[in-house]
Amino acid sequence: MTSGHSESVTPHITARSAEGLSLNPDDRETRTQPSDSAFIRLTLVGSALLGAVALLPYAILRRQFISLERRLEHATIANDALQRDMQKLLEQDIVRRGEYKQLGGLISEAKHSMEEVRRAGERREAEQRTLDGKLLGGIQELKTVVERTETAAVERHLAGTEWMRDILDRFRWSGKK
């Protein structure tokens, strides 16, 4: 490299023997020896097999991962549907609770009204009993008055009849004399 013209020296690695590689530029060969070709083939096949073996767990895991992603998507869709259904059920429950509360108020109001009607009925029955007692007392009094009147009428009738006999007897006595 110190002279004016530059030569590049490229070392060639070749397999010579069991000892190792030769870096001698004079040992240039245009083609590799058959043993080198077998080694390269073995290396390529081994690399391909090793790559396949190394990629096999990745491929299996990738496939399982995709399967799990699909299952997760289905579970997410089902979960969303369940959440919507749950929300609807909660809304319906709120409405029903309101209706039950309203119904409870109506039932309480109906019980109160029925209690008022029962009390009014009891008051009317008490008033009716009082009135019936007064009427019965009045009827008894009227019956007593009627009986007295009948007795007095019978007595007057008897007295009147006797008085008439007395008068007739007086007229008869007076006419005989």
N, C-alpha and C. Protein backbone atom coordinates (compact mmCIF):
# COMPACT_ATOMS: atom_id res chain seq x y z
N MET A 1 0.80 -1.16 0.00
CA MET A 1 0.00 0.00 0.00
C MET A 1 0.86 1.24 0.00
N THR A 2 2.08 1.10 0.17
CA THR A 2 2.96 2.25 0.14
C THR A 2 3.34 2.61 -1.26
N SER A 3 3.25 1.73 -2.19
CA SER A 3 3.61 2.04 -3.56
C SER A 3 2.46 2.67 -4.28
N GLY A 4 2.63 3.10 -5.47
CA GLY A 4 1.66 3.83 -6.24
C GLY A 4 0.50 2.99 -6.66
N HIS A 5 0.74 1.73 -6.83
CA HIS A 5 -0.43 0.98 -7.27
C HIS A 5 -0.92 0.16 -6.10
N SER A 6 -2.21 -0.01 -6.05
CA SER A 6 -2.77 -0.70 -4.90
C SER A 6 -3.30 -2.03 -5.30
N GLU A 7 -2.95 -2.95 -4.54
CA GLU A 7 -3.43 -4.31 -4.74
C GLU A 7 -4.23 -4.66 -3.50
N SER A 8 -5.27 -5.21 -3.74
CA SER A 8 -6.01 -5.64 -2.56
C SER A 8 -5.83 -7.12 -2.41
N VAL A 9 -5.57 -7.46 -1.25
CA VAL A 9 -5.34 -8.87 -0.96
C VAL A 9 -6.55 -9.32 -0.16
N THR A 10 -7.23 -10.25 -0.74
CA THR A 10 -8.40 -10.79 -0.07
C THR A 10 -8.09 -12.20 0.34
N PRO A 11 -8.09 -12.45 1.58
CA PRO A 11 -7.79 -13.81 2.00
C PRO A 11 -8.96 -14.71 1.69
N HIS A 12 -8.69 -15.86 1.25
CA HIS A 12 -9.71 -16.87 0.97
C HIS A 12 -9.62 -17.95 2.01
N ILE A 13 -10.73 -18.29 2.53
CA ILE A 13 -10.76 -19.34 3.53
C ILE A 13 -11.14 -20.62 2.82
N THR A 14 -10.29 -21.58 2.95
CA THR A 14 -10.58 -22.87 2.35
C THR A 14 -10.28 -23.94 3.35
N ALA A 15 -10.96 -25.04 3.19
CA ALA A 15 -10.71 -26.16 4.08
C ALA A 15 -9.65 -27.04 3.44
N ARG A 16 -8.58 -27.30 4.12
CA ARG A 16 -7.49 -28.08 3.56
C ARG A 16 -7.45 -29.47 4.14
N SER A 17 -7.49 -29.48 5.37
CA SER A 17 -7.35 -30.78 5.99
C SER A 17 -8.03 -30.76 7.33
N ALA A 18 -7.75 -31.71 8.08
CA ALA A 18 -8.34 -31.78 9.39
C ALA A 18 -7.73 -30.74 10.29
N GLU A 19 -6.63 -30.15 9.88
CA GLU A 19 -5.94 -29.16 10.70
C GLU A 19 -6.69 -27.86 10.73
N GLY A 20 -7.30 -27.48 9.68
CA GLY A 20 -8.02 -26.23 9.72
C GLY A 20 -8.03 -25.53 8.40
N LEU A 21 -8.10 -24.24 8.43
CA LEU A 21 -8.26 -23.43 7.23
C LEU A 21 -6.92 -22.80 6.86
N SER A 22 -6.81 -22.53 5.62
CA SER A 22 -5.59 -21.89 5.13
C SER A 22 -5.93 -20.51 4.70
N LEU A 23 -5.11 -19.54 5.11
CA LEU A 23 -5.32 -18.16 4.73
C LEU A 23 -4.32 -17.73 3.65
N ASN A 24 -3.72 -18.59 3.03
CA ASN A 24 -2.69 -18.31 2.02
C ASN A 24 -3.36 -17.86 0.75
N PRO A 25 -2.98 -16.65 0.21
CA PRO A 25 -3.58 -16.18 -1.01
C PRO A 25 -3.18 -17.02 -2.21
N ASP A 26 -2.18 -17.77 -2.11
CA ASP A 26 -1.76 -18.59 -3.24
C ASP A 26 -2.65 -19.81 -3.38
N ASP A 27 -3.38 -20.12 -2.39
CA ASP A 27 -4.23 -21.31 -2.43
C ASP A 27 -5.61 -20.98 -2.98
N ARG A 28 -5.67 -20.08 -3.87
CA ARG A 28 -6.96 -19.68 -4.42
C ARG A 28 -7.53 -20.78 -5.27
N GLU A 29 -8.77 -20.99 -4.99
CA GLU A 29 -9.47 -21.97 -5.80
C GLU A 29 -10.77 -21.35 -6.23
N THR A 30 -11.13 -21.59 -7.41
CA THR A 30 -12.36 -21.00 -7.92
C THR A 30 -13.57 -21.74 -7.38
N ARG A 31 -13.39 -22.99 -7.10
CA ARG A 31 -14.50 -23.78 -6.58
C ARG A 31 -14.10 -24.41 -5.28
N THR A 32 -15.11 -24.61 -4.41
CA THR A 32 -14.80 -25.28 -3.16
C THR A 32 -14.74 -26.76 -3.41
N GLN A 33 -14.01 -27.38 -2.57
CA GLN A 33 -13.85 -28.82 -2.72
C GLN A 33 -15.16 -29.52 -2.33
N PRO A 34 -15.33 -30.77 -2.75
CA PRO A 34 -16.55 -31.49 -2.44
C PRO A 34 -16.79 -31.60 -0.95
N SER A 35 -15.82 -31.69 -0.14
CA SER A 35 -16.04 -31.80 1.30
C SER A 35 -16.59 -30.49 1.84
N ASP A 36 -16.17 -29.37 1.23
CA ASP A 36 -16.71 -28.07 1.64
C ASP A 36 -18.19 -27.97 1.24
N SER A 37 -18.52 -28.49 0.12
CA SER A 37 -19.90 -28.45 -0.36
C SER A 37 -20.80 -29.27 0.56
N ALA A 38 -20.36 -30.38 1.03
CA ALA A 38 -21.14 -31.22 1.94
C ALA A 38 -21.31 -30.50 3.27
N PHE A 39 -20.23 -29.85 3.69
CA PHE A 39 -20.29 -29.10 4.94
C PHE A 39 -21.29 -27.95 4.83
N ILE A 40 -21.30 -27.27 3.72
CA ILE A 40 -22.22 -26.15 3.50
C ILE A 40 -23.65 -26.68 3.45
N ARG A 41 -23.83 -27.79 2.72
CA ARG A 41 -25.16 -28.38 2.65
C ARG A 41 -25.64 -28.80 4.04
N LEU A 42 -24.73 -29.43 4.76
CA LEU A 42 -25.07 -29.87 6.11
C LEU A 42 -25.39 -28.67 6.99
N THR A 43 -24.62 -27.61 6.81
CA THR A 43 -24.87 -26.40 7.59
C THR A 43 -26.22 -25.79 7.20
N LEU A 44 -26.52 -25.72 5.93
CA LEU A 44 -27.79 -25.16 5.47
C LEU A 44 -28.97 -26.00 5.93
N VAL A 45 -28.86 -27.32 5.78
CA VAL A 45 -29.94 -28.21 6.20
C VAL A 45 -30.10 -28.13 7.70
N GLY A 46 -28.96 -28.15 8.40
CA GLY A 46 -29.02 -28.04 9.86
C GLY A 46 -29.63 -26.71 10.30
N SER A 47 -29.24 -25.65 9.62
CA SER A 47 -29.81 -24.33 9.94
C SER A 47 -31.30 -24.30 9.65
N ALA A 48 -31.70 -24.89 8.54
CA ALA A 48 -33.12 -24.93 8.19
C ALA A 48 -33.89 -25.75 9.23
N LEU A 49 -33.32 -26.91 9.60
CA LEU A 49 -33.99 -27.74 10.61
C LEU A 49 -34.01 -27.03 11.96
N LEU A 50 -32.88 -26.45 12.30
CA LEU A 50 -32.82 -25.73 13.57
C LEU A 50 -33.77 -24.54 13.55
N GLY A 51 -33.84 -23.83 12.43
CA GLY A 51 -34.78 -22.71 12.29
C GLY A 51 -36.22 -23.19 12.40
N ALA A 52 -36.50 -24.34 11.73
CA ALA A 52 -37.85 -24.89 11.79
C ALA A 52 -38.20 -25.29 13.21
N VAL A 53 -37.22 -25.96 13.86
CA VAL A 53 -37.46 -26.38 15.23
C VAL A 53 -37.61 -25.16 16.13
N ALA A 54 -36.79 -24.13 15.87
CA ALA A 54 -36.88 -22.91 16.68
C ALA A 54 -38.18 -22.17 16.39
N LEU A 55 -38.65 -22.20 15.15
CA LEU A 55 -39.87 -21.50 14.79
C LEU A 55 -41.13 -22.31 15.11
N LEU A 56 -41.00 -23.63 15.30
CA LEU A 56 -42.15 -24.48 15.58
C LEU A 56 -42.88 -24.03 16.85
N PRO A 57 -42.20 -23.82 17.98
CA PRO A 57 -42.93 -23.33 19.16
C PRO A 57 -43.58 -21.97 18.90
N TYR A 58 -42.90 -21.12 18.16
CA TYR A 58 -43.47 -19.82 17.83
C TYR A 58 -44.75 -20.00 17.02
N ALA A 59 -44.70 -20.89 16.03
CA ALA A 59 -45.89 -21.13 15.18
C ALA A 59 -47.02 -21.71 16.02
N ILE A 60 -46.68 -22.66 16.90
CA ILE A 60 -47.72 -23.26 17.75
C ILE A 60 -48.30 -22.21 18.69
N LEU A 61 -47.41 -21.45 19.31
CA LEU A 61 -47.87 -20.40 20.22
C LEU A 61 -48.66 -19.33 19.48
N ARG A 62 -48.23 -19.00 18.28
CA ARG A 62 -48.95 -18.02 17.47
C ARG A 62 -50.36 -18.51 17.16
N ARG A 63 -50.43 -19.80 16.79
CA ARG A 63 -51.74 -20.39 16.48
C ARG A 63 -52.62 -20.38 17.73
N GLN A 64 -52.05 -20.77 18.86
CA GLN A 64 -52.82 -20.77 20.10
C GLN A 64 -53.20 -19.34 20.48
N PHE A 65 -52.28 -18.41 20.26
CA PHE A 65 -52.55 -17.01 20.56
C PHE A 65 -53.71 -16.49 19.72
N ILE A 66 -53.70 -16.83 18.43
CA ILE A 66 -54.80 -16.41 17.54
C ILE A 66 -56.11 -17.04 18.00
N SER A 67 -56.05 -18.34 18.38
CA SER A 67 -57.23 -19.02 18.89
C SER A 67 -57.73 -18.34 20.17
N LEU A 68 -56.81 -18.01 21.05
CA LEU A 68 -57.18 -17.33 22.29
C LEU A 68 -57.74 -15.93 22.02
N GLU A 69 -57.17 -15.25 21.01
CA GLU A 69 -57.71 -13.94 20.64
C GLU A 69 -59.15 -14.06 20.17
N ARG A 70 -59.42 -15.09 19.36
CA ARG A 70 -60.79 -15.30 18.87
C ARG A 70 -61.73 -15.59 20.04
N ARG A 71 -61.27 -16.47 20.94
CA ARG A 71 -62.09 -16.81 22.10
C ARG A 71 -62.32 -15.57 22.98
N LEU A 72 -61.28 -14.75 23.09
CA LEU A 72 -61.40 -13.52 23.86
C LEU A 72 -62.39 -12.57 23.20
N GLU A 73 -62.35 -12.48 21.87
CA GLU A 73 -63.32 -11.64 21.15
C GLU A 73 -64.73 -12.13 21.38
N HIS A 74 -64.92 -13.48 21.29
CA HIS A 74 -66.26 -14.05 21.53
C HIS A 74 -66.68 -13.81 22.97
N ALA A 75 -65.75 -13.98 23.90
CA ALA A 75 -66.07 -13.74 25.31
C ALA A 75 -66.40 -12.27 25.54
N THR A 76 -65.67 -11.38 24.87
CA THR A 76 -65.93 -9.94 25.00
C THR A 76 -67.30 -9.60 24.45
N ILE A 77 -67.63 -10.18 23.30
CA ILE A 77 -68.96 -9.94 22.70
C ILE A 77 -70.04 -10.47 23.62
N ALA A 78 -69.82 -11.69 24.14
CA ALA A 78 -70.81 -12.28 25.06
C ALA A 78 -70.90 -11.44 26.33
N ASN A 79 -69.76 -10.97 26.82
CA ASN A 79 -69.75 -10.14 28.03
C ASN A 79 -70.50 -8.83 27.78
N ASP A 80 -70.28 -8.23 26.63
CA ASP A 80 -70.99 -6.99 26.30
C ASP A 80 -72.49 -7.23 26.24
N ALA A 81 -72.87 -8.36 25.62
CA ALA A 81 -74.30 -8.69 25.53
C ALA A 81 -74.87 -8.92 26.93
N LEU A 82 -74.12 -9.61 27.77
CA LEU A 82 -74.57 -9.85 29.14
C LEU A 82 -74.68 -8.55 29.93
N GLN A 83 -73.74 -7.65 29.70
CA GLN A 83 -73.81 -6.36 30.39
C GLN A 83 -75.02 -5.57 29.94
N ARG A 84 -75.32 -5.61 28.62
CA ARG A 84 -76.52 -4.92 28.13
C ARG A 84 -77.77 -5.55 28.75
N ASP A 85 -77.81 -6.90 28.75
CA ASP A 85 -78.96 -7.57 29.35
C ASP A 85 -79.07 -7.24 30.84
N MET A 86 -77.94 -7.23 31.53
CA MET A 86 -77.95 -6.91 32.95
C MET A 86 -78.44 -5.49 33.18
N GLN A 87 -78.00 -4.57 32.33
CA GLN A 87 -78.45 -3.18 32.45
C GLN A 87 -79.96 -3.10 32.24
N LYS A 88 -80.47 -3.82 31.22
CA LYS A 88 -81.90 -3.82 30.98
C LYS A 88 -82.64 -4.40 32.18
N LEU A 89 -82.10 -5.51 32.74
CA LEU A 89 -82.74 -6.12 33.90
C LEU A 89 -82.72 -5.18 35.10
N LEU A 90 -81.62 -4.47 35.28
CA LEU A 90 -81.56 -3.51 36.38
C LEU A 90 -82.57 -2.39 36.19
N GLU A 91 -82.70 -1.92 34.94
CA GLU A 91 -83.68 -0.87 34.67
C GLU A 91 -85.09 -1.39 34.92
N GLN A 92 -85.37 -2.63 34.48
CA GLN A 92 -86.67 -3.23 34.72
C GLN A 92 -86.91 -3.42 36.22
N ASP A 93 -85.85 -3.80 36.94
CA ASP A 93 -85.97 -3.98 38.39
C ASP A 93 -86.31 -2.66 39.06
N ILE A 94 -85.67 -1.58 38.60
CA ILE A 94 -85.96 -0.26 39.17
C ILE A 94 -87.42 0.11 38.91
N VAL A 95 -87.88 -0.16 37.68
CA VAL A 95 -89.28 0.13 37.34
C VAL A 95 -90.22 -0.71 38.20
N ARG A 96 -89.90 -2.00 38.33
CA ARG A 96 -90.75 -2.89 39.14
C ARG A 96 -90.76 -2.47 40.60
N ARG A 97 -89.61 -2.07 41.11
CA ARG A 97 -89.58 -1.62 42.50
C ARG A 97 -90.45 -0.39 42.68
N GLY A 98 -90.40 0.51 41.70
CA GLY A 98 -91.27 1.68 41.75
C GLY A 98 -92.73 1.27 41.72
N GLU A 99 -93.05 0.31 40.84
CA GLU A 99 -94.43 -0.17 40.76
C GLU A 99 -94.85 -0.85 42.06
N TYR A 100 -93.94 -1.66 42.64
CA TYR A 100 -94.26 -2.33 43.91
C TYR A 100 -94.48 -1.31 45.01
N LYS A 101 -93.65 -0.27 45.01
CA LYS A 101 -93.80 0.78 46.01
C LYS A 101 -95.14 1.48 45.83
N GLN A 102 -95.46 1.77 44.57
CA GLN A 102 -96.74 2.41 44.26
C GLN A 102 -97.89 1.49 44.64
N LEU A 103 -97.75 0.20 44.32
CA LEU A 103 -98.79 -0.76 44.65
C LEU A 103 -98.94 -0.88 46.17
N GLY A 104 -97.81 -0.87 46.87
CA GLY A 104 -97.86 -0.90 48.34
C GLY A 104 -98.61 0.31 48.88
N GLY A 105 -98.36 1.49 48.29
CA GLY A 105 -99.08 2.69 48.70
C GLY A 105 -100.57 2.56 48.43
N LEU A 106 -100.91 2.01 47.25
CA LEU A 106 -102.33 1.81 46.92
C LEU A 106 -102.99 0.82 47.87
N ILE A 107 -102.26 -0.25 48.19
CA ILE A 107 -102.81 -1.25 49.12
C ILE A 107 -103.01 -0.62 50.50
N SER A 108 -102.03 0.16 50.94
CA SER A 108 -102.14 0.84 52.23
C SER A 108 -103.32 1.80 52.23
N GLU A 109 -103.47 2.53 51.13
CA GLU A 109 -104.60 3.46 51.01
C GLU A 109 -105.93 2.70 51.01
N ALA A 110 -105.97 1.57 50.30
CA ALA A 110 -107.20 0.76 50.27
C ALA A 110 -107.51 0.22 51.67
N LYS A 111 -106.47 -0.24 52.40
CA LYS A 111 -106.70 -0.73 53.76
C LYS A 111 -107.24 0.40 54.64
N HIS A 112 -106.67 1.59 54.48
CA HIS A 112 -107.11 2.73 55.27
C HIS A 112 -108.57 3.05 54.95
N SER A 113 -108.89 3.04 53.65
CA SER A 113 -110.28 3.32 53.24
C SER A 113 -111.22 2.26 53.77
N MET A 114 -110.80 1.00 53.71
CA MET A 114 -111.65 -0.09 54.22
C MET A 114 -111.84 0.05 55.73
N GLU A 115 -110.80 0.46 56.42
CA GLU A 115 -110.91 0.67 57.87
C GLU A 115 -111.90 1.79 58.16
N GLU A 116 -111.84 2.88 57.36
CA GLU A 116 -112.80 3.97 57.54
C GLU A 116 -114.23 3.50 57.26
N VAL A 117 -114.40 2.69 56.22
CA VAL A 117 -115.73 2.17 55.89
C VAL A 117 -116.22 1.26 57.02
N ARG A 118 -115.31 0.44 57.58
CA ARG A 118 -115.69 -0.45 58.68
C ARG A 118 -116.13 0.37 59.90
N ARG A 119 -115.35 1.41 60.21
CA ARG A 119 -115.72 2.26 61.36
C ARG A 119 -117.06 2.95 61.12
N ALA A 120 -117.25 3.46 59.90
CA ALA A 120 -118.52 4.11 59.57
C ALA A 120 -119.67 3.11 59.69
N GLY A 121 -119.43 1.86 59.24
CA GLY A 121 -120.45 0.82 59.37
C GLY A 121 -120.75 0.52 60.83
N GLU A 122 -119.70 0.47 61.64
CA GLU A 122 -119.92 0.23 63.07
C GLU A 122 -120.69 1.38 63.70
N ARG A 123 -120.37 2.63 63.31
CA ARG A 123 -121.12 3.79 63.83
C ARG A 123 -122.58 3.70 63.40
N ARG A 124 -122.79 3.34 62.16
CA ARG A 124 -124.18 3.23 61.67
C ARG A 124 -124.93 2.12 62.40
N GLU A 125 -124.23 1.01 62.64
CA GLU A 125 -124.87 -0.08 63.38
C GLU A 125 -125.22 0.37 64.79
N ALA A 126 -124.29 1.10 65.44
CA ALA A 126 -124.57 1.60 66.78
C ALA A 126 -125.74 2.57 66.75
N GLU A 127 -125.76 3.48 65.76
CA GLU A 127 -126.87 4.41 65.63
C GLU A 127 -128.17 3.66 65.37
N GLN A 128 -128.09 2.62 64.54
CA GLN A 128 -129.28 1.82 64.23
C GLN A 128 -129.79 1.11 65.48
N ARG A 129 -128.86 0.56 66.28
CA ARG A 129 -129.26 -0.11 67.52
C ARG A 129 -129.93 0.89 68.47
N THR A 130 -129.33 2.09 68.54
CA THR A 130 -129.92 3.12 69.40
C THR A 130 -131.31 3.48 68.89
N LEU A 131 -131.41 3.68 67.58
CA LEU A 131 -132.71 4.02 66.99
C LEU A 131 -133.71 2.88 67.18
N ASP A 132 -133.22 1.63 66.94
CA ASP A 132 -134.09 0.47 67.14
C ASP A 132 -134.57 0.41 68.60
N GLY A 133 -133.64 0.70 69.53
CA GLY A 133 -134.03 0.72 70.95
C GLY A 133 -135.08 1.77 71.23
N LYS A 134 -134.88 2.97 70.67
CA LYS A 134 -135.86 4.03 70.86
C LYS A 134 -137.19 3.66 70.23
N LEU A 135 -137.11 3.10 69.00
CA LEU A 135 -138.35 2.69 68.33
C LEU A 135 -139.05 1.60 69.13
N LEU A 136 -138.30 0.64 69.62
CA LEU A 136 -138.88 -0.44 70.41
C LEU A 136 -139.51 0.13 71.69
N GLY A 137 -138.76 1.07 72.30
CA GLY A 137 -139.33 1.73 73.49
C GLY A 137 -140.59 2.47 73.14
N GLY A 138 -140.58 3.19 72.01
CA GLY A 138 -141.77 3.93 71.57
C GLY A 138 -142.91 3.00 71.25
N ILE A 139 -142.58 1.87 70.62
CA ILE A 139 -143.63 0.90 70.29
C ILE A 139 -144.21 0.31 71.57
N GLN A 140 -143.34 0.00 72.52
CA GLN A 140 -143.81 -0.53 73.81
C GLN A 140 -144.71 0.49 74.51
N GLU A 141 -144.28 1.76 74.47
CA GLU A 141 -145.07 2.83 75.09
C GLU A 141 -146.40 2.98 74.38
N LEU A 142 -146.34 2.92 73.05
CA LEU A 142 -147.56 3.02 72.25
C LEU A 142 -148.49 1.84 72.53
N LYS A 143 -147.90 0.67 72.67
CA LYS A 143 -148.68 -0.53 72.97
C LYS A 143 -149.35 -0.38 74.33
N THR A 144 -148.58 0.16 75.26
CA THR A 144 -149.15 0.37 76.60
C THR A 144 -150.29 1.37 76.53
N VAL A 145 -150.08 2.44 75.79
CA VAL A 145 -151.12 3.47 75.64
C VAL A 145 -152.34 2.86 74.96
N VAL A 146 -152.09 2.04 73.93
CA VAL A 146 -153.23 1.42 73.21
C VAL A 146 -153.96 0.48 74.16
N GLU A 147 -153.21 -0.29 74.94
CA GLU A 147 -153.87 -1.22 75.88
C GLU A 147 -154.67 -0.44 76.91
N ARG A 148 -154.10 0.66 77.41
CA ARG A 148 -154.84 1.48 78.38
C ARG A 148 -156.08 2.07 77.73
N THR A 149 -155.89 2.53 76.52
CA THR A 149 -157.01 3.13 75.82
C THR A 149 -158.10 2.09 75.58
N GLU A 150 -157.68 0.89 75.18
CA GLU A 150 -158.67 -0.18 74.97
C GLU A 150 -159.35 -0.53 76.28
N THR A 151 -158.53 -0.63 77.32
CA THR A 151 -159.11 -0.95 78.64
C THR A 151 -160.08 0.17 79.05
N ALA A 152 -159.65 1.41 78.86
CA ALA A 152 -160.52 2.53 79.22
C ALA A 152 -161.78 2.53 78.35
N ALA A 153 -161.60 2.17 77.07
CA ALA A 153 -162.76 2.13 76.18
C ALA A 153 -163.71 1.03 76.60
N VAL A 154 -163.15 -0.11 76.99
CA VAL A 154 -164.01 -1.21 77.44
C VAL A 154 -164.70 -0.79 78.72
N GLU A 155 -163.94 -0.17 79.61
CA GLU A 155 -164.54 0.27 80.87
C GLU A 155 -165.63 1.32 80.59
N ARG A 156 -165.37 2.23 79.69
CA ARG A 156 -166.37 3.24 79.34
C ARG A 156 -167.57 2.58 78.69
N HIS A 157 -167.28 1.61 77.87
CA HIS A 157 -168.37 0.92 77.21
C HIS A 157 -169.23 0.21 78.26
N LEU A 158 -168.52 -0.44 79.17
CA LEU A 158 -169.26 -1.12 80.23
C LEU A 158 -169.99 -0.09 81.12
N ALA A 159 -169.26 0.98 81.41
CA ALA A 159 -169.88 2.02 82.24
C ALA A 159 -171.05 2.66 81.48
N GLY A 160 -170.81 2.85 80.19
CA GLY A 160 -171.87 3.45 79.37
C GLY A 160 -173.06 2.51 79.28
N THR A 161 -172.77 1.24 79.16
CA THR A 161 -173.84 0.27 79.08
C THR A 161 -174.60 0.24 80.41
N GLU A 162 -173.86 0.27 81.48
CA GLU A 162 -174.50 0.25 82.78
C GLU A 162 -175.27 1.56 83.01
N TRP A 163 -174.75 2.60 82.60
CA TRP A 163 -175.43 3.88 82.75
C TRP A 163 -176.72 3.86 81.95
N MET A 164 -176.61 3.29 80.76
CA MET A 164 -177.83 3.20 79.94
C MET A 164 -178.84 2.27 80.59
N ARG A 165 -178.45 1.26 81.21
CA ARG A 165 -179.38 0.37 81.91
C ARG A 165 -180.03 1.10 83.08
N ASP A 166 -179.15 1.83 83.76
CA ASP A 166 -179.69 2.59 84.89
C ASP A 166 -180.75 3.58 84.39
N ILE A 167 -180.48 4.24 83.32
CA ILE A 167 -181.42 5.21 82.78
C ILE A 167 -182.67 4.48 82.31
N LEU A 168 -182.49 3.39 81.68
CA LEU A 168 -183.65 2.64 81.21
C LEU A 168 -184.45 2.11 82.40
N ASP A 169 -183.70 1.66 83.39
CA ASP A 169 -184.38 1.17 84.59
C ASP A 169 -185.12 2.33 85.25
N ARG A 170 -184.62 3.49 85.28
CA ARG A 170 -185.27 4.64 85.89
C ARG A 170 -186.51 5.01 85.07
N PHE A 171 -186.35 4.87 83.78
CA PHE A 171 -187.52 5.17 82.98
C PHE A 171 -188.57 4.08 83.16
N ARG A 172 -188.20 2.96 83.38
CA ARG A 172 -189.14 1.89 83.58
C ARG A 172 -189.79 2.01 84.96
N TRP A 173 -189.05 2.38 85.89
CA TRP A 173 -189.60 2.59 87.25
C TRP A 173 -190.47 3.83 87.24
N SER A 174 -190.03 4.72 86.51
CA SER A 174 -190.82 5.92 86.51
C SER A 174 -192.12 5.71 85.72
N GLY A 175 -192.19 4.89 84.88
CA GLY A 175 -193.37 4.66 84.11
C GLY A 175 -194.30 3.70 84.80
N LYS A 176 -193.93 2.98 85.76
CA LYS A 176 -194.76 2.04 86.47
C LYS A 176 -195.39 2.74 87.63
N LYS A 177 -195.03 3.66 88.04
CA LYS A 177 -195.59 4.31 89.21
C LYS A 177 -196.69 5.12 88.81
